[in-house]
Amino acid sequence: MQIKNRQFWIAALIAFFLDQITKYWILQSFEFKETRPLIAGVFHFTYVRNYGAAFSILDGHVDSLKWLSLIVSLGLIALALFAPELSLWERLAYGFILGGAMGNGIDRFVLGYVVDFLDFRLIHFPVFNFADIFINVGIACLLISSFQKSPTSDKRSR
């Protein structure tokens, strides 16, 4: 049996499971707000709880965000199942975005917050997780996809 948009499903599963496995490790190995440097002052693992969206925007809106991530996830699944065959970049993009949305969505439904732990201190970047990375990689793949498509135009014969 041929699976439609196979790379979509593979990307989604990789993103989701990598995100969930790393968050499980953090929850089992760290106390809340505990930090452990990999490269002191540059990169640490720091367990924090995010009650909002990226960069803690919409802080305290977990209920709205959990339903939003469910709707986005169901929409992407429907796209992969019912849309025409997607390009490779689109399959990867939507798969990575789905895996990230599901990873953070599961956190919101089960825990009431998102587990963040990747802490780049050198540039004072907000603490994030693998779901966030995969969502951004997915967006980058969509940008690449937009440059790969040939423009459609109504060229008239001269």
Protein backbone atom coordinates (compact mmCIF):
# COMPACT_ATOMS: atom_id res chain seq x y z
CA MET A 1 0.00 0.00 0.00
CA GLN A 2 1.30 3.42 -0.99
CA ILE A 3 1.19 6.05 1.77
CA LYS A 4 0.28 9.49 0.46
CA ASN A 5 2.73 12.24 1.43
CA ARG A 6 5.02 9.76 3.20
CA GLN A 7 7.69 12.32 4.14
CA PHE A 8 5.00 14.40 5.89
CA TRP A 9 4.21 11.53 8.27
CA ILE A 10 7.89 10.68 8.83
CA ALA A 11 8.79 14.31 9.60
CA ALA A 12 5.80 14.65 11.96
CA LEU A 13 6.68 11.47 13.85
CA ILE A 14 10.37 12.35 14.17
CA ALA A 15 9.56 15.87 15.40
CA PHE A 16 6.90 14.68 17.84
CA PHE A 17 8.87 11.82 19.36
CA LEU A 18 12.15 13.73 19.64
CA ASP A 19 10.29 16.56 21.36
CA GLN A 20 8.44 14.26 23.76
CA ILE A 21 11.47 12.10 24.61
CA THR A 22 13.60 15.14 25.47
CA LYS A 23 10.81 16.68 27.56
CA TYR A 24 10.35 13.37 29.40
CA TRP A 25 14.09 13.32 30.14
CA ILE A 26 13.90 16.89 31.50
CA LEU A 27 10.88 16.11 33.68
CA GLN A 28 12.58 12.99 35.08
CA SER A 29 16.04 14.51 35.57
CA PHE A 30 15.57 18.17 36.53
CA GLU A 31 13.85 20.11 39.25
CA PHE A 32 11.79 23.11 38.15
CA LYS A 33 14.15 26.04 37.32
CA GLU A 34 17.22 23.80 37.68
CA THR A 35 19.96 24.58 35.19
CA ARG A 36 22.96 22.55 34.06
CA PRO A 37 25.56 24.10 31.79
CA LEU A 38 26.86 22.26 28.76
CA ILE A 39 29.07 25.25 27.97
CA ALA A 40 28.94 27.59 30.95
CA GLY A 41 27.52 30.99 30.09
CA VAL A 42 26.78 29.90 26.52
CA PHE A 43 24.38 26.93 26.46
CA HIS A 44 22.54 25.36 29.38
CA PHE A 45 19.71 22.93 29.95
CA THR A 46 17.26 24.89 32.13
CA TYR A 47 13.84 23.50 33.01
CA VAL A 48 11.18 26.20 32.82
CA ARG A 49 7.42 26.15 32.33
CA ASN A 50 5.83 28.23 29.59
CA TYR A 51 2.19 29.10 30.18
CA GLY A 52 1.95 31.05 26.93
CA ALA A 53 3.12 30.75 23.34
CA ALA A 54 6.57 31.36 21.86
CA PHE A 55 8.67 33.76 23.92
CA SER A 56 5.92 33.59 26.59
CA ILE A 57 3.59 35.81 24.57
CA LEU A 58 -0.06 35.22 25.48
CA ASP A 59 1.16 34.14 28.91
CA GLY A 60 -1.68 32.54 30.87
CA HIS A 61 -3.76 31.65 27.80
CA VAL A 62 -3.06 27.92 27.97
CA ASP A 63 -6.69 26.95 27.34
CA SER A 64 -6.91 28.96 24.13
CA LEU A 65 -3.50 27.78 22.96
CA LYS A 66 -4.21 24.09 23.59
CA TRP A 67 -7.32 24.27 21.41
CA LEU A 68 -5.45 26.26 18.77
CA SER A 69 -2.73 23.59 18.60
CA LEU A 70 -5.41 20.88 18.29
CA ILE A 71 -7.13 22.74 15.43
CA VAL A 72 -3.80 23.34 13.65
CA SER A 73 -2.85 19.68 14.08
CA LEU A 74 -6.18 18.41 12.73
CA GLY A 75 -5.96 20.86 9.82
CA LEU A 76 -2.48 19.66 8.87
CA ILE A 77 -3.54 16.01 9.11
CA ALA A 78 -6.53 16.76 6.84
CA LEU A 79 -4.21 18.55 4.41
CA ALA A 80 -1.90 15.54 4.18
CA LEU A 81 -4.80 13.11 3.78
CA PHE A 82 -7.08 14.98 1.38
CA ALA A 83 -5.03 17.55 -0.53
CA PRO A 84 -3.31 16.67 -3.78
CA GLU A 85 0.23 15.33 -3.52
CA LEU A 86 2.41 17.98 -1.88
CA SER A 87 5.92 18.90 -2.99
CA LEU A 88 8.79 17.45 -0.94
CA TRP A 89 9.46 20.78 0.79
CA GLU A 90 5.77 21.15 1.63
CA ARG A 91 5.58 17.60 3.00
CA LEU A 92 8.60 18.26 5.23
CA ALA A 93 7.33 21.71 6.24
CA TYR A 94 3.85 20.65 7.25
CA GLY A 95 5.14 17.47 8.89
CA PHE A 96 7.63 19.36 11.07
CA ILE A 97 5.00 21.95 11.97
CA LEU A 98 2.52 19.18 12.86
CA GLY A 99 5.09 17.38 15.05
CA GLY A 100 5.91 20.61 16.88
CA ALA A 101 2.28 21.64 17.30
CA MET A 102 1.39 18.20 18.66
CA GLY A 103 4.39 18.18 21.01
CA ASN A 104 3.53 21.52 22.59
CA GLY A 105 -0.20 20.77 22.40
CA ILE A 106 0.20 17.53 24.36
CA ASP A 107 2.10 19.47 27.04
CA ARG A 108 -0.71 22.00 27.29
CA PHE A 109 -3.44 19.35 27.52
CA VAL A 110 -1.60 17.04 29.95
CA LEU A 111 0.52 19.39 32.06
CA GLY A 112 -1.18 22.77 31.64
CA TYR A 113 2.07 24.32 30.39
CA VAL A 114 4.85 23.70 27.87
CA VAL A 115 8.18 22.27 29.03
CA ASP A 116 11.06 24.42 27.77
CA PHE A 117 14.73 23.67 28.45
CA LEU A 118 17.11 24.76 25.66
CA ASP A 119 18.79 27.85 27.06
CA PHE A 120 21.19 29.86 24.84
CA ARG A 121 22.59 32.38 27.29
CA LEU A 122 25.26 33.86 25.05
CA ILE A 123 22.62 35.72 23.04
CA HIS A 124 20.02 36.00 25.84
CA PHE A 125 17.47 34.04 23.83
CA PRO A 126 14.25 32.81 25.50
CA VAL A 127 14.33 29.18 26.67
CA PHE A 128 12.67 26.86 24.14
CA ASN A 129 12.27 23.17 23.17
CA PHE A 130 12.51 20.85 20.17
CA ALA A 131 8.88 21.43 19.18
CA ASP A 132 9.74 25.11 18.75
CA ILE A 133 12.77 24.19 16.64
CA PHE A 134 10.72 21.91 14.38
CA ILE A 135 7.99 24.53 13.90
CA ASN A 136 10.67 27.01 12.79
CA VAL A 137 12.34 24.44 10.53
CA GLY A 138 8.91 23.80 9.03
CA ILE A 139 8.46 27.51 8.34
CA ALA A 140 11.91 27.59 6.71
CA CYS A 141 10.90 24.63 4.52
CA LEU A 142 7.74 26.52 3.48
CA LEU A 143 9.90 29.48 2.48
CA ILE A 144 12.14 27.19 0.43
CA SER A 145 9.04 25.64 -1.12
CA SER A 146 7.74 29.05 -2.14
CA PHE A 147 10.94 29.68 -4.12
CA GLN A 148 10.82 26.22 -5.73
CA LYS A 149 7.45 26.65 -7.39
CA SER A 150 7.33 27.95 -10.90
CA PRO A 151 5.22 31.07 -11.14
CA THR A 152 1.88 30.67 -12.83
CA SER A 153 0.99 33.45 -15.15
CA ASP A 154 -1.43 34.23 -17.89
CA LYS A 155 1.13 34.85 -20.58
CA ARG A 156 -0.57 35.86 -23.74
CA SER A 157 0.68 34.82 -27.11
CA ARG A 158 2.31 37.67 -28.94
